[in-house]
Every structure is written in C-alpha cells, then in structure tokens.
Amino acid sequence: MTDSLFVKICGVRTRNDVRAAVEAGADALGIMHYAPSPRHVDADTAEQLVTWIHEAGSALAVLVVFDMDAADAASMAQRIGADALQLHGHYEHSDFTAARAAAPGLKLWRAVSLAHDPEAHAGAFGDDLLLLDAPAPGAGQRWDQTQLHKRDRGPFVLAGGLNPDNVAQAAESSGAIGVDVSSGVESSRGVKDHALIRTFIEKTRFVRKPAAPRQS
C-alpha cells in the first residue's frame, strides 16, 4: 500500500474533468447525484461518468448522494457500475444495513460532520470508509478540527474547506489517511479548474499517511 494520502476529487461533471483528475493522480472521483447541488448530474450522466472513469485508469468511481433512500441509492450505484456509494445526511446504522443488502459487494462510505455526530468512528455503521466533513458539505467551509482529537476515530478521510493552499497542513495536523475536495478546486461553483486539481494533488504528495497501529 502506498504511503501517499488517498485523494478524492468530488463533483466531476465532464469527460475532461475525469481525464484531468485521473492524469493528476486522483485515487477516487465523486459523482454527485443531488439536485440542489451545482455539481448534480442525472442518472444517465452518472453512468457515463463511471464509464469514463474506468476507461481512464484505476481511480474509483464514487456515487455521492444526500438523504436519498439508502437502498435505492445502493441499487443505483450498482446499476451504473460505481465502485462505492458515499452517503451524506441523516442516515442510521439500519440504512447501511439496507444498502448492503440491496447491493452486496458495493463499498459503502459514510460522510458525516462531527457537529452532527461528535462520536463518529470508522466502521460504526458498518461502513467501509469514514469521511469527516463540514456541516454544509460542498460549501468550501473550514470547520473546527480540534474536535478530531477528542477521541480515537479510526482511519478517516478529511473534507471541508480544503484547497491547494491548506491541504498539506490540514491533512498533517488532522492525521487523516486521505482528503476529499470539491469547491477548493473550482473556478466557479460546479466548474472544475484542472490546474487547481493538479496543484492540489501535488501538494498532498508532501504528506505521508499516518502509520498503521502495530498489532500486539
């Protein structure tokens, strides 16, 4: 496994976005299916984006939803060929159980704010990955990361207000195993800036992932 941070570029909407992110070295690309978001794409476009992501390289295609029925979202993710489903919103453990039943083998990522769940811990909902985000996802807002160290949370990916100027410091101080960015690599709301994507990923390469705890 690489020592580099895991990097997800969220909210890709075009083939050129996909190409730029994959060529820059992104590990995962997020496809937003949530109508109020400026990055929203419909189901047909989401499926096309998944195809382009898989054609471009080894990056994961991640369907991102907000408060959509978890089982329906999992079925959609499986139908379009996504590698993972990222659930934002007011989900319970039972929702992850339902999603798992609807799409066995699909990776389930839990995205949550510590403002909403101060006790969040990796795997607590049966999730495969925990993503800690700002209270308003995709808004480009930084949040109080001092909460991160009030308890052991297990491995997590950091999101919320990240950009090329602050990602290295934020990742290093948080102890995250990866980072997720959307608005921080855009020229305007919903429009990806490919130069910013490249710079963002370059900056992450100066940060090493935290060492895994030794097994006793």
Protein backbone atom coordinates (compact mmCIF):
# COMPACT_ATOMS: atom_id res chain seq x y z
CA MET A 1 0.00 0.00 0.00
CA THR A 2 1.29 3.46 -0.89
CA ASP A 3 2.38 5.89 1.80
CA SER A 4 0.74 8.78 -0.08
CA LEU A 5 -2.55 10.26 1.04
CA PHE A 6 -5.69 8.93 -0.58
CA VAL A 7 -7.14 11.73 -2.73
CA LYS A 8 -10.73 12.06 -3.93
CA ILE A 9 -11.85 14.78 -6.32
CA CYS A 10 -15.59 15.22 -5.86
CA GLY A 11 -18.17 16.68 -8.21
CA VAL A 12 -16.71 15.82 -11.62
CA ARG A 13 -19.20 16.54 -14.38
CA THR A 14 -17.40 16.20 -17.72
CA ARG A 15 -15.05 13.83 -19.52
CA ASN A 16 -12.33 16.48 -19.33
CA ASP A 17 -12.81 16.69 -15.55
CA VAL A 18 -12.32 12.94 -15.34
CA ARG A 19 -9.25 12.98 -17.54
CA ALA A 20 -7.63 15.86 -15.64
CA ALA A 21 -8.22 14.28 -12.23
CA VAL A 22 -7.03 10.81 -13.23
CA GLU A 23 -3.94 12.12 -15.02
CA ALA A 24 -3.10 14.21 -11.94
CA GLY A 25 -3.18 11.07 -9.80
CA ALA A 26 -6.57 11.10 -8.06
CA ASP A 27 -7.46 7.84 -6.33
CA ALA A 28 -11.22 8.37 -6.50
CA LEU A 29 -13.68 10.63 -8.29
CA GLY A 30 -17.03 11.60 -6.83
CA ILE A 31 -20.17 11.83 -8.94
CA MET A 32 -22.82 13.98 -7.26
CA HIS A 33 -26.46 12.93 -7.60
CA TYR A 34 -28.30 15.54 -5.54
CA ALA A 35 -30.47 18.05 -7.39
CA PRO A 36 -29.80 21.15 -5.20
CA SER A 37 -26.04 20.84 -5.77
CA PRO A 38 -24.38 22.81 -8.59
CA ARG A 39 -22.44 19.58 -9.27
CA HIS A 40 -25.55 17.42 -9.70
CA VAL A 41 -25.75 15.05 -12.65
CA ASP A 42 -28.68 12.83 -13.62
CA ALA A 43 -28.52 9.03 -13.59
CA ASP A 44 -27.63 8.69 -17.28
CA THR A 45 -24.78 11.19 -16.99
CA ALA A 46 -23.60 9.50 -13.81
CA GLU A 47 -23.40 6.18 -15.65
CA GLN A 48 -21.44 7.79 -18.48
CA LEU A 49 -19.02 9.35 -15.99
CA VAL A 50 -18.45 5.95 -14.36
CA THR A 51 -17.57 4.52 -17.78
CA TRP A 52 -15.12 7.35 -18.45
CA ILE A 53 -13.50 6.95 -15.03
CA HIS A 54 -12.95 3.24 -15.56
CA GLU A 55 -11.62 3.82 -19.07
CA ALA A 56 -9.19 6.47 -17.83
CA GLY A 57 -7.36 4.34 -15.26
CA SER A 58 -7.66 2.72 -11.86
CA ALA A 59 -9.42 5.51 -9.94
CA LEU A 60 -12.58 4.57 -8.06
CA ALA A 61 -15.94 5.89 -9.25
CA VAL A 62 -17.98 7.01 -6.23
CA LEU A 63 -21.67 7.87 -6.37
CA VAL A 64 -22.40 10.64 -3.85
CA VAL A 65 -25.95 11.20 -2.57
CA PHE A 66 -27.61 13.23 0.19
CA ASP A 67 -30.57 11.87 2.16
CA MET A 68 -31.62 9.61 -0.71
CA ASP A 69 -33.13 6.31 0.40
CA ALA A 70 -30.04 4.22 1.14
CA ALA A 71 -31.24 1.03 -0.52
CA ASP A 72 -32.36 2.94 -3.63
CA ALA A 73 -29.02 4.75 -3.76
CA ALA A 74 -27.13 1.47 -3.46
CA SER A 75 -29.20 -0.08 -6.23
CA MET A 76 -28.49 2.93 -8.44
CA ALA A 77 -24.77 2.80 -7.67
CA GLN A 78 -24.67 -0.88 -8.59
CA ARG A 79 -26.72 -0.29 -11.75
CA ILE A 80 -24.39 2.41 -13.09
CA GLY A 81 -21.27 0.43 -12.21
CA ALA A 82 -19.92 2.63 -9.40
CA ASP A 83 -17.26 1.18 -7.12
CA ALA A 84 -18.56 2.88 -3.98
CA LEU A 85 -21.54 4.78 -2.59
CA GLN A 86 -20.99 7.82 -0.36
CA LEU A 87 -23.95 8.55 1.91
CA HIS A 88 -24.31 12.11 3.22
CA GLY A 89 -27.14 13.09 5.51
CA HIS A 90 -29.29 11.72 8.30
CA TYR A 91 -28.54 8.03 8.00
CA GLU A 92 -28.72 5.37 10.70
CA HIS A 93 -26.94 2.05 11.05
CA SER A 94 -30.07 0.38 9.64
CA ASP A 95 -29.73 2.39 6.43
CA PHE A 96 -26.27 0.99 5.85
CA THR A 97 -27.61 -2.50 6.51
CA ALA A 98 -30.33 -1.91 3.91
CA ALA A 99 -27.82 -0.56 1.40
CA ARG A 100 -25.57 -3.56 1.96
CA ALA A 101 -28.48 -5.91 1.34
CA ALA A 102 -29.51 -4.04 -1.82
CA ALA A 103 -26.04 -4.11 -3.36
CA PRO A 104 -23.75 -6.79 -1.90
CA GLY A 105 -20.12 -6.09 -2.69
CA LEU A 106 -20.59 -2.34 -3.12
CA LYS A 107 -18.28 -0.26 -0.92
CA LEU A 108 -20.22 2.00 1.45
CA TRP A 109 -18.70 5.29 2.59
CA ARG A 110 -20.20 7.25 5.46
CA ALA A 111 -19.85 11.04 5.25
CA VAL A 112 -20.69 12.91 8.45
CA SER A 113 -19.99 16.13 10.32
CA LEU A 114 -18.77 16.00 13.91
CA ALA A 115 -21.29 18.77 14.57
CA HIS A 116 -23.99 16.19 13.88
CA ASP A 117 -22.23 13.13 15.31
CA PRO A 118 -19.44 14.06 17.76
CA GLU A 119 -18.80 10.37 18.47
CA ALA A 120 -18.29 9.34 14.82
CA HIS A 121 -15.93 6.41 14.43
CA ALA A 122 -14.81 4.44 11.40
CA GLY A 123 -16.92 1.34 10.83
CA ALA A 124 -19.51 2.14 13.49
CA PHE A 125 -22.33 1.96 10.93
CA GLY A 126 -20.85 -0.97 9.05
CA ASP A 127 -19.24 1.49 6.65
CA ASP A 128 -16.10 0.71 4.67
CA LEU A 129 -14.78 4.27 4.92
CA LEU A 130 -15.47 7.25 7.19
CA LEU A 131 -15.33 10.74 5.71
CA LEU A 132 -15.43 13.67 8.15
CA ASP A 133 -16.84 16.80 6.53
CA ALA A 134 -18.07 20.29 7.33
CA PRO A 135 -21.70 20.76 8.49
CA ALA A 136 -22.57 22.05 4.98
CA PRO A 137 -20.85 19.67 2.51
CA GLY A 138 -19.53 21.20 -0.70
CA ALA A 139 -19.73 24.77 0.59
CA GLY A 140 -15.97 25.21 0.90
CA GLN A 141 -16.18 25.97 4.62
CA ARG A 142 -13.44 25.05 7.08
CA TRP A 143 -14.55 23.59 10.39
CA ASP A 144 -13.20 23.20 13.90
CA GLN A 145 -10.85 20.26 13.54
CA THR A 146 -9.79 20.35 17.18
CA GLN A 147 -12.76 18.02 17.72
CA LEU A 148 -10.93 15.34 15.77
CA HIS A 149 -8.53 14.58 18.59
CA LYS A 150 -11.06 14.34 21.42
CA ARG A 151 -11.31 10.60 20.85
CA ASP A 152 -9.90 7.83 18.67
CA ARG A 153 -11.92 7.75 15.47
CA GLY A 154 -10.05 5.11 13.50
CA PRO A 155 -8.86 5.87 9.96
CA PHE A 156 -10.78 8.64 8.20
CA VAL A 157 -10.74 10.88 5.14
CA LEU A 158 -10.83 14.65 5.73
CA ALA A 159 -13.10 17.03 3.79
CA GLY A 160 -14.45 20.54 4.18
CA GLY A 161 -12.82 23.79 3.08
CA LEU A 162 -9.71 22.19 1.62
CA ASN A 163 -7.78 23.81 -1.23
CA PRO A 164 -4.22 23.72 -2.63
CA ASP A 165 -3.03 26.29 -0.08
CA ASN A 166 -4.15 24.48 3.07
CA VAL A 167 -4.43 20.78 2.23
CA ALA A 168 -0.95 19.73 3.32
CA GLN A 169 -1.18 21.41 6.73
CA ALA A 170 -4.77 20.26 7.31
CA ALA A 171 -4.02 16.66 6.43
CA GLU A 172 -0.87 16.54 8.52
CA SER A 173 -2.41 18.11 11.62
CA SER A 174 -5.58 16.01 11.42
CA GLY A 175 -3.93 12.64 11.00
CA ALA A 176 -6.25 11.77 8.11
CA ILE A 177 -5.42 8.91 5.75
CA GLY A 178 -6.87 10.86 2.85
CA VAL A 179 -8.51 14.07 1.66
CA ASP A 180 -11.61 14.92 -0.35
CA VAL A 181 -12.08 18.20 -2.22
CA SER A 182 -14.78 19.77 -4.34
CA SER A 183 -15.19 23.56 -4.29
CA GLY A 184 -11.50 24.05 -3.46
CA VAL A 185 -10.54 23.04 -7.00
CA GLU A 186 -13.17 25.06 -8.85
CA SER A 187 -13.04 28.32 -10.80
CA SER A 188 -16.75 28.89 -10.05
CA ARG A 189 -19.49 26.87 -8.38
CA GLY A 190 -19.62 23.46 -10.05
CA VAL A 191 -16.88 24.20 -12.60
CA LYS A 192 -13.67 22.28 -12.03
CA ASP A 193 -10.35 24.07 -12.58
CA HIS A 194 -7.95 21.45 -13.93
CA ALA A 195 -4.85 23.40 -12.95
CA LEU A 196 -6.10 23.61 -9.37
CA ILE A 197 -6.76 19.86 -9.38
CA ARG A 198 -3.16 19.21 -10.40
CA THR A 199 -1.78 21.61 -7.80
CA PHE A 200 -3.99 20.19 -5.05
CA ILE A 201 -2.82 16.65 -5.70
CA GLU A 202 0.81 17.73 -5.96
CA LYS A 203 0.55 19.34 -2.51
CA THR A 204 -0.81 16.14 -0.98
CA ARG A 205 2.25 14.21 -2.08
CA PHE A 206 4.32 16.01 0.55
CA VAL A 207 2.22 14.47 3.32
CA ARG A 208 2.64 10.87 4.42
CA LYS A 209 -0.25 8.85 5.74
CA PRO A 210 -0.19 8.09 9.46
CA ALA A 211 1.44 4.77 10.25
CA ALA A 212 -0.96 1.94 10.97
CA PRO A 213 -1.02 0.99 14.65
CA ARG A 214 1.13 -2.01 15.48
CA GLN A 215 -0.67 -5.19 16.37
CA SER A 216 0.25 -6.50 19.81
